[in-house]
C-alpha atoms as a PDB file:
ATOM      1  CA  UNK A   1     -36.977   0.434  23.987  1.00  0.00           C
ATOM      2  CA  UNK A   2     -33.819   1.783  25.722  1.00  0.00           C
ATOM      3  CA  UNK A   3     -30.704   3.399  24.121  1.00  0.00           C
ATOM      4  CA  UNK A   4     -27.731   4.417  25.744  1.00  0.00           C
ATOM      5  CA  UNK A   5     -25.359   7.377  24.873  1.00  0.00           C
ATOM      6  CA  UNK A   6     -22.801   7.198  27.605  1.00  0.00           C
ATOM      7  CA  UNK A   7     -19.552   9.092  27.164  1.00  0.00           C
ATOM      8  CA  UNK A   8     -16.375   8.052  29.058  1.00  0.00           C
ATOM      9  CA  UNK A   9     -13.009   9.620  28.496  1.00  0.00           C
ATOM     10  CA  UNK A  10      -9.673   8.402  29.240  1.00  0.00           C
ATOM     11  CA  UNK A  11      -6.930  10.904  29.209  1.00  0.00           C
ATOM     12  CA  UNK A  12      -3.727   8.947  29.907  1.00  0.00           C
ATOM     13  CA  UNK A  13      -2.484   5.746  31.420  1.00  0.00           C
ATOM     14  CA  UNK A  14       0.869   4.886  33.206  1.00  0.00           C
ATOM     15  CA  UNK A  15       2.321   1.593  34.627  1.00  0.00           C
ATOM     16  CA  UNK A  16       4.788   2.062  37.728  1.00  0.00           C
ATOM     17  CA  UNK A  17       6.747  -0.685  39.244  1.00  0.00           C
ATOM     18  CA  UNK A  18       7.032  -0.379  42.960  1.00  0.00           C
ATOM     19  CA  UNK A  19      10.190  -2.219  43.200  1.00  0.00           C
ATOM     20  CA  UNK A  20      12.390   1.081  43.234  1.00  0.00           C
ATOM     21  CA  UNK A  21      11.663   4.711  43.809  1.00  0.00           C
ATOM     22  CA  UNK A  22      13.620   6.335  40.862  1.00  0.00           C
ATOM     23  CA  UNK A  23      10.434   8.216  39.451  1.00  0.00           C
ATOM     24  CA  UNK A  24       7.186   9.528  40.736  1.00  0.00           C
ATOM     25  CA  UNK A  25       4.055  10.029  38.704  1.00  0.00           C
ATOM     26  CA  UNK A  26       2.593  13.523  39.121  1.00  0.00           C
ATOM     27  CA  UNK A  27       0.287  13.855  42.055  1.00  0.00           C
ATOM     28  CA  UNK A  28      -3.469  14.790  41.345  1.00  0.00           C
ATOM     29  CA  UNK A  29      -4.162  18.326  42.525  1.00  0.00           C
ATOM     30  CA  UNK A  30      -6.915  16.812  44.808  1.00  0.00           C
ATOM     31  CA  UNK A  31      -4.333  15.130  46.819  1.00  0.00           C
ATOM     32  CA  UNK A  32      -4.276  17.676  49.603  1.00  0.00           C
ATOM     33  CA  UNK A  33      -8.137  17.593  49.547  1.00  0.00           C
ATOM     34  CA  UNK A  34      -8.599  13.858  50.174  1.00  0.00           C
ATOM     35  CA  UNK A  35     -11.113  12.985  52.761  1.00  0.00           C
ATOM     36  CA  UNK A  36     -10.475  11.206  55.973  1.00  0.00           C
ATOM     37  CA  UNK A  37     -11.018   7.506  55.381  1.00  0.00           C
ATOM     38  CA  UNK A  38     -14.122   5.849  56.813  1.00  0.00           C
ATOM     39  CA  UNK A  39     -12.876   4.040  59.716  1.00  0.00           C
ATOM     40  CA  UNK A  40     -14.945   0.770  60.158  1.00  0.00           C
ATOM     41  CA  UNK A  41     -14.424  -2.895  60.220  1.00  0.00           C
ATOM     42  CA  UNK A  42     -15.057  -5.476  57.583  1.00  0.00           C
ATOM     43  CA  UNK A  43     -18.865  -6.542  57.419  1.00  0.00           C
ATOM     44  CA  UNK A  44     -19.910  -9.901  55.878  1.00  0.00           C
ATOM     45  CA  UNK A  45     -22.894  -8.869  53.644  1.00  0.00           C
ATOM     46  CA  UNK A  46     -23.645 -12.284  52.027  1.00  0.00           C
ATOM     47  CA  UNK A  47     -21.940 -15.415  50.543  1.00  0.00           C
ATOM     48  CA  UNK A  48     -18.991 -14.417  48.389  1.00  0.00           C
ATOM     49  CA  UNK A  49     -19.427 -10.707  49.228  1.00  0.00           C
ATOM     50  CA  UNK A  50     -17.461  -8.651  51.792  1.00  0.00           C
ATOM     51  CA  UNK A  51     -17.831  -4.975  52.499  1.00  0.00           C
ATOM     52  CA  UNK A  52     -14.744  -3.036  53.831  1.00  0.00           C
ATOM     53  CA  UNK A  53     -14.406   0.693  54.837  1.00  0.00           C
ATOM     54  CA  UNK A  54     -10.649   1.244  55.651  1.00  0.00           C
ATOM     55  CA  UNK A  55      -7.457  -0.183  54.060  1.00  0.00           C
ATOM     56  CA  UNK A  56      -4.285  -1.519  55.644  1.00  0.00           C
ATOM     57  CA  UNK A  57      -2.086   1.333  56.432  1.00  0.00           C
ATOM     58  CA  UNK A  58       0.731   0.123  54.268  1.00  0.00           C
ATOM     59  CA  UNK A  59      -1.318   0.439  51.234  1.00  0.00           C
ATOM     60  CA  UNK A  60      -1.042   4.211  51.295  1.00  0.00           C
ATOM     61  CA  UNK A  61       2.807   3.934  50.822  1.00  0.00           C
ATOM     62  CA  UNK A  62       2.142   2.502  47.262  1.00  0.00           C
ATOM     63  CA  UNK A  63       0.169   5.717  45.995  1.00  0.00           C
ATOM     64  CA  UNK A  64       3.629   7.299  45.399  1.00  0.00           C
ATOM     65  CA  UNK A  65       6.965   6.621  44.152  1.00  0.00           C
ATOM     66  CA  UNK A  66       8.142   3.659  41.941  1.00  0.00           C
ATOM     67  CA  UNK A  67       9.752   3.529  38.642  1.00  0.00           C
ATOM     68  CA  UNK A  68       7.661   4.264  35.524  1.00  0.00           C
ATOM     69  CA  UNK A  69       7.757   1.566  33.001  1.00  0.00           C
ATOM     70  CA  UNK A  70       5.058   2.585  30.467  1.00  0.00           C
ATOM     71  CA  UNK A  71       2.983   5.647  29.652  1.00  0.00           C
ATOM     72  CA  UNK A  72       0.518   6.552  26.864  1.00  0.00           C
ATOM     73  CA  UNK A  73      -0.766   9.947  26.427  1.00  0.00           C
ATOM     74  CA  UNK A  74      -3.030   8.856  23.469  1.00  0.00           C
ATOM     75  CA  UNK A  75      -1.533  11.756  21.254  1.00  0.00           C
ATOM     76  CA  UNK A  76      -2.597  10.075  17.905  1.00  0.00           C
ATOM     77  CA  UNK A  77      -5.756   9.028  16.208  1.00  0.00           C
ATOM     78  CA  UNK A  78      -5.157   5.193  16.079  1.00  0.00           C
ATOM     79  CA  UNK A  79      -4.579   2.858  19.098  1.00  0.00           C
ATOM     80  CA  UNK A  80      -1.763   1.063  17.294  1.00  0.00           C
ATOM     81  CA  UNK A  81      -0.043  -2.467  17.977  1.00  0.00           C
ATOM     82  CA  UNK A  82       0.101  -1.980  21.879  1.00  0.00           C
ATOM     83  CA  UNK A  83      -3.663  -2.165  22.348  1.00  0.00           C
ATOM     84  CA  UNK A  84      -6.276  -4.810  21.646  1.00  0.00           C
ATOM     85  CA  UNK A  85      -9.615  -3.214  20.843  1.00  0.00           C
ATOM     86  CA  UNK A  86     -12.529  -5.312  21.047  1.00  0.00           C
ATOM     87  CA  UNK A  87     -15.136  -2.971  19.524  1.00  0.00           C
ATOM     88  CA  UNK A  88     -14.898   0.100  17.246  1.00  0.00           C
ATOM     89  CA  UNK A  89     -16.789   2.254  19.723  1.00  0.00           C
ATOM     90  CA  UNK A  90     -13.416   2.660  21.508  1.00  0.00           C
ATOM     91  CA  UNK A  91     -11.787   5.713  19.779  1.00  0.00           C
ATOM     92  CA  UNK A  92      -9.199   8.352  20.116  1.00  0.00           C
ATOM     93  CA  UNK A  93     -10.282  11.976  19.789  1.00  0.00           C
ATOM     94  CA  UNK A  94      -7.932  15.059  20.617  1.00  0.00           C
ATOM     95  CA  UNK A  95      -5.825  12.866  22.957  1.00  0.00           C
ATOM     96  CA  UNK A  96      -8.669  11.244  24.841  1.00  0.00           C
ATOM     97  CA  UNK A  97     -10.085   7.780  24.504  1.00  0.00           C
ATOM     98  CA  UNK A  98     -13.831   7.848  24.252  1.00  0.00           C
ATOM     99  CA  UNK A  99     -16.432   5.047  24.601  1.00  0.00           C
ATOM    100  CA  UNK A 100     -20.285   5.051  24.726  1.00  0.00           C
ATOM    101  CA  UNK A 101     -21.327   1.619  25.094  1.00  0.00           C
ATOM    102  CA  UNK A 102     -18.547  -1.143  25.268  1.00  0.00           C
ATOM    103  CA  UNK A 103     -20.869  -4.046  26.409  1.00  0.00           C
ATOM    104  CA  UNK A 104     -17.850  -5.443  28.174  1.00  0.00           C
ATOM    105  CA  UNK A 105     -15.791  -5.532  25.055  1.00  0.00           C
ATOM    106  CA  UNK A 106     -12.693  -3.599  26.163  1.00  0.00           C
ATOM    107  CA  UNK A 107      -9.678  -1.798  25.272  1.00  0.00           C
ATOM    108  CA  UNK A 108      -6.616  -3.988  26.410  1.00  0.00           C
ATOM    109  CA  UNK A 109      -3.077  -2.858  26.899  1.00  0.00           C
ATOM    110  CA  UNK A 110      -0.719  -5.484  25.323  1.00  0.00           C
ATOM    111  CA  UNK A 111       2.227  -4.034  27.160  1.00  0.00           C
ATOM    112  CA  UNK A 112       2.214  -6.400  30.111  1.00  0.00           C
ATOM    113  CA  UNK A 113       1.956  -5.591  33.560  1.00  0.00           C
ATOM    114  CA  UNK A 114       5.470  -5.868  35.580  1.00  0.00           C
ATOM    115  CA  UNK A 115       5.994  -8.562  38.079  1.00  0.00           C
ATOM    116  CA  UNK A 116       5.618  -7.940  41.640  1.00  0.00           C
ATOM    117  CA  UNK A 117       4.060  -4.781  43.252  1.00  0.00           C
ATOM    118  CA  UNK A 118       2.536  -2.460  40.583  1.00  0.00           C
ATOM    119  CA  UNK A 119       0.729   0.792  40.431  1.00  0.00           C
ATOM    120  CA  UNK A 120      -1.570   1.598  37.472  1.00  0.00           C
ATOM    121  CA  UNK A 121      -2.683   5.124  36.952  1.00  0.00           C
ATOM    122  CA  UNK A 122      -5.055   6.717  34.549  1.00  0.00           C
ATOM    123  CA  UNK A 123      -7.093   9.995  34.370  1.00  0.00           C
ATOM    124  CA  UNK A 124     -10.816   9.437  33.267  1.00  0.00           C
ATOM    125  CA  UNK A 125     -14.387  11.009  33.530  1.00  0.00           C
ATOM    126  CA  UNK A 126     -17.779   9.708  32.978  1.00  0.00           C
ATOM    127  CA  UNK A 127     -20.543  11.811  31.490  1.00  0.00           C
ATOM    128  CA  UNK A 128     -24.386  11.666  31.648  1.00  0.00           C
ATOM    129  CA  UNK A 129     -26.370  10.115  28.885  1.00  0.00           C
ATOM    130  CA  UNK A 130     -29.707  10.258  27.363  1.00  0.00           C
ATOM    131  CA  UNK A 131     -32.039   7.293  27.988  1.00  0.00           C
ATOM    132  CA  UNK A 132     -35.192   6.649  25.923  1.00  0.00           C
ATOM    133  CA  UNK A 133     -38.036   4.762  27.180  1.00  0.00           C
ATOM    134  CA  UNK A 134     -41.380   4.440  25.537  1.00  0.00           C
ATOM    135  CA  UNK A 135     -40.591   7.470  23.326  1.00  0.00           C
ATOM    136  CA  UNK A 136     -39.498   9.765  26.186  1.00  0.00           C
ATOM    137  CA  UNK A 137     -35.890  10.926  26.608  1.00  0.00           C
ATOM    138  CA  UNK A 138     -34.297  11.899  29.798  1.00  0.00           C
ATOM    139  CA  UNK A 139     -30.755  12.492  30.854  1.00  0.00           C
ATOM    140  CA  UNK A 140     -29.347  10.055  33.498  1.00  0.00           C
ATOM    141  CA  UNK A 141     -25.868   9.405  35.062  1.00  0.00           C
ATOM    142  CA  UNK A 142     -25.092   6.007  36.357  1.00  0.00           C
ATOM    143  CA  UNK A 143     -21.468   6.622  37.001  1.00  0.00           C
ATOM    144  CA  UNK A 144     -20.105   3.175  36.284  1.00  0.00           C
ATOM    145  CA  UNK A 145     -16.346   3.507  35.539  1.00  0.00           C
ATOM    146  CA  UNK A 146     -14.364   0.126  35.281  1.00  0.00           C
ATOM    147  CA  UNK A 147     -11.166  -1.353  34.586  1.00  0.00           C
ATOM    148  CA  UNK A 148      -9.736  -4.798  34.648  1.00  0.00           C
ATOM    149  CA  UNK A 149      -6.115  -5.974  35.739  1.00  0.00           C
ATOM    150  CA  UNK A 150      -3.938  -8.977  36.350  1.00  0.00           C
ATOM    151  CA  UNK A 151      -6.120 -10.791  33.609  1.00  0.00           C
ATOM    152  CA  UNK A 152      -4.558 -13.918  32.178  1.00  0.00           C
ATOM    153  CA  UNK A 153      -5.951 -13.004  28.790  1.00  0.00           C
ATOM    154  CA  UNK A 154      -6.901  -9.662  27.247  1.00  0.00           C
ATOM    155  CA  UNK A 155     -10.364 -10.110  27.535  1.00  0.00           C
ATOM    156  CA  UNK A 156     -13.205  -9.667  29.985  1.00  0.00           C
ATOM    157  CA  UNK A 157     -13.415 -11.531  33.369  1.00  0.00           C
ATOM    158  CA  UNK A 158      -9.970 -13.171  33.325  1.00  0.00           C
ATOM    159  CA  UNK A 159      -8.601 -11.421  36.448  1.00  0.00           C
ATOM    160  CA  UNK A 160      -9.829  -8.732  38.733  1.00  0.00           C
ATOM    161  CA  UNK A 161     -12.347  -5.828  37.832  1.00  0.00           C
ATOM    162  CA  UNK A 162     -12.112  -2.475  39.625  1.00  0.00           C
ATOM    163  CA  UNK A 163     -15.638  -1.034  39.501  1.00  0.00           C
ATOM    164  CA  UNK A 164     -16.184   2.700  40.480  1.00  0.00           C
ATOM    165  CA  UNK A 165     -19.833   3.731  40.791  1.00  0.00           C
ATOM    166  CA  UNK A 166     -21.379   0.522  39.501  1.00  0.00           C
ATOM    167  CA  UNK A 167     -25.043  -0.545  39.652  1.00  0.00           C
ATOM    168  CA  UNK A 168     -26.284   3.167  39.161  1.00  0.00           C
ATOM    169  CA  UNK A 169     -23.493   4.765  41.030  1.00  0.00           C
ATOM    170  CA  UNK A 170     -24.226   2.739  44.329  1.00  0.00           C
ATOM    171  CA  UNK A 171     -21.329   0.379  44.484  1.00  0.00           C
ATOM    172  CA  UNK A 172     -17.471   0.452  44.469  1.00  0.00           C
ATOM    173  CA  UNK A 173     -16.250  -3.066  44.051  1.00  0.00           C
ATOM    174  CA  UNK A 174     -13.336  -5.382  43.379  1.00  0.00           C
ATOM    175  CA  UNK A 175     -14.491  -8.626  41.726  1.00  0.00           C
ATOM    176  CA  UNK A 176     -12.367 -11.668  41.150  1.00  0.00           C
ATOM    177  CA  UNK A 177     -13.208 -13.271  37.743  1.00  0.00           C
ATOM    178  CA  UNK A 178     -16.924 -12.476  37.708  1.00  0.00           C
ATOM    179  CA  UNK A 179     -18.212  -8.975  38.721  1.00  0.00           C
ATOM    180  CA  UNK A 180     -21.377 -10.385  40.440  1.00  0.00           C
ATOM    181  CA  UNK A 181     -19.502 -13.018  42.307  1.00  0.00           C
ATOM    182  CA  UNK A 182     -21.047 -15.926  40.357  1.00  0.00           C
ATOM    183  CA  UNK A 183     -19.285 -19.061  39.435  1.00  0.00           C
ATOM    184  CA  UNK A 184     -16.320 -21.219  40.583  1.00  0.00           C
ATOM    185  CA  UNK A 185     -13.448 -19.011  42.066  1.00  0.00           C
ATOM    186  CA  UNK A 186     -15.426 -15.904  41.795  1.00  0.00           C
ATOM    187  CA  UNK A 187     -15.902 -13.429  44.744  1.00  0.00           C
ATOM    188  CA  UNK A 188     -16.502  -9.670  45.200  1.00  0.00           C
ATOM    189  CA  UNK A 189     -15.662  -7.158  47.803  1.00  0.00           C
ATOM    190  CA  UNK A 190     -17.361  -3.764  48.087  1.00  0.00           C
ATOM    191  CA  UNK A 191     -15.814  -0.584  49.464  1.00  0.00           C
ATOM    192  CA  UNK A 192     -17.218   2.439  51.053  1.00  0.00           C
ATOM    193  CA  UNK A 193     -20.100   4.095  49.165  1.00  0.00           C
ATOM    194  CA  UNK A 194     -18.504   7.021  47.219  1.00  0.00           C
ATOM    195  CA  UNK A 195     -20.468   8.060  43.997  1.00  0.00           C
ATOM    196  CA  UNK A 196     -18.860   9.121  40.832  1.00  0.00           C
ATOM    197  CA  UNK A 197     -19.199  13.049  40.119  1.00  0.00           C
ATOM    198  CA  UNK A 198     -20.298  13.693  36.478  1.00  0.00           C
ATOM    199  CA  UNK A 199     -17.742  15.195  34.381  1.00  0.00           C
ATOM    200  CA  UNK A 200     -14.991  15.249  37.059  1.00  0.00           C
ATOM    201  CA  UNK A 201     -11.462  14.159  35.818  1.00  0.00           C
ATOM    202  CA  UNK A 202     -10.387  11.471  38.333  1.00  0.00           C
ATOM    203  CA  UNK A 203      -6.853  10.347  38.783  1.00  0.00           C
ATOM    204  CA  UNK A 204      -7.453   6.614  39.297  1.00  0.00           C
ATOM    205  CA  UNK A 205      -4.799   4.442  40.853  1.00  0.00           C
ATOM    206  CA  UNK A 206      -4.960   0.538  41.186  1.00  0.00           C
ATOM    207  CA  UNK A 207      -2.133  -0.956  43.172  1.00  0.00           C
ATOM    208  CA  UNK A 208      -0.980  -4.203  43.951  1.00  0.00           C
ATOM    209  CA  UNK A 209       1.157  -5.071  47.068  1.00  0.00           C
ATOM    210  CA  UNK A 210       1.938  -8.660  47.588  1.00  0.00           C
ATOM    211  CA  UNK A 211      -1.434 -10.507  47.262  1.00  0.00           C
ATOM    212  CA  UNK A 212      -3.437  -7.328  47.959  1.00  0.00           C
ATOM    213  CA  UNK A 213      -5.037  -5.140  45.442  1.00  0.00           C
ATOM    214  CA  UNK A 214      -6.763  -1.864  46.025  1.00  0.00           C
ATOM    215  CA  UNK A 215      -8.055   1.030  43.974  1.00  0.00           C
ATOM    216  CA  UNK A 216      -8.422   4.933  44.594  1.00  0.00           C
ATOM    217  CA  UNK A 217     -10.085   7.963  43.009  1.00  0.00           C
ATOM    218  CA  UNK A 218      -8.096  11.249  43.620  1.00  0.00           C
ATOM    219  CA  UNK A 219      -6.231   9.265  46.357  1.00  0.00           C
ATOM    220  CA  UNK A 220      -9.606   8.595  48.128  1.00  0.00           C
ATOM    221  CA  UNK A 221     -10.010   4.849  49.003  1.00  0.00           C
ATOM    222  CA  UNK A 222     -12.570   2.856  47.011  1.00  0.00           C
ATOM    223  CA  UNK A 223     -11.771  -0.716  48.304  1.00  0.00           C
ATOM    224  CA  UNK A 224      -9.222  -3.569  48.509  1.00  0.00           C
ATOM    225  CA  UNK A 225      -9.067  -7.292  48.632  1.00  0.00           C
ATOM    226  CA  UNK A 226      -6.438  -9.811  49.472  1.00  0.00           C
ATOM    227  CA  UNK A 227      -6.375 -13.012  47.409  1.00  0.00           C
ATOM    228  CA  UNK A 228      -4.227 -15.914  48.885  1.00  0.00           C
ATOM    229  CA  UNK A 229      -4.696 -17.720  45.319  1.00  0.00           C
ATOM    230  CA  UNK A 230      -3.714 -14.642  43.372  1.00  0.00           C
ATOM    231  CA  UNK A 231      -4.229 -14.574  39.710  1.00  0.00           C
ATOM    232  CA  UNK A 232      -0.867 -13.890  38.181  1.00  0.00           C
ATOM    233  CA  UNK A 233      -2.096 -12.566  34.902  1.00  0.00           C
ATOM    234  CA  UNK A 234      -0.230  -9.751  33.008  1.00  0.00           C
ATOM    235  CA  UNK A 235      -3.004  -7.801  31.281  1.00  0.00           C
ATOM    236  CA  UNK A 236      -4.792  -4.498  32.002  1.00  0.00           C
ATOM    237  CA  UNK A 237      -7.782  -2.995  30.202  1.00  0.00           C
ATOM    238  CA  UNK A 238     -10.404  -0.317  30.178  1.00  0.00           C
ATOM    239  CA  UNK A 239     -14.100  -1.663  30.166  1.00  0.00           C
ATOM    240  CA  UNK A 240     -17.724  -0.719  30.934  1.00  0.00           C
ATOM    241  CA  UNK A 241     -21.093  -2.053  29.867  1.00  0.00           C
END
């Protein structure tokens, strides 16, 4: 028997259109401390899976600037009409969104993503949980912070998943449609290894530039992917297993 008591907190979320430069979302304090990107080429690991270590230089420009079109500080007790909540395990407490075991039943923003180039930002942390196996309890930390974007519907696996510290904090991945790369139209692309630190509040950034998407934690690169057949969905959501 295994039980999970994982706690993940989301502090705020903002959508920024990159079509203009009228407003800038506040930089993370760790911006000046960001490590140098791991410079290496792409490595084909198996069918449907590619590993990349460095992004195109032009993606860095999308980490700043733009015009903010939506922001939510979660300064209330109920999610309200702008969110579709698929399990009651998502809750707001003291200005933070908490979840322990979503089982891929997400919290979906119904305010649709802007057309064209976009940056999504949110602050989040992941905490250890207690696992019980054969009557014994032990604390473990799998990392595993996930969101989905450009989904055609506000539900799991209808667009792109961005996974930070998946599979026991070993994998940073962008997945099209299915996060293991299984099924028609599905593929995954893994970025450089960079584990989630327990309890650390990360400024996550998910960006789209043309047909390329990328994601960053505290402006440190986690992965990117270019999709010639880009899924033009309009929904964003938080999720985890």
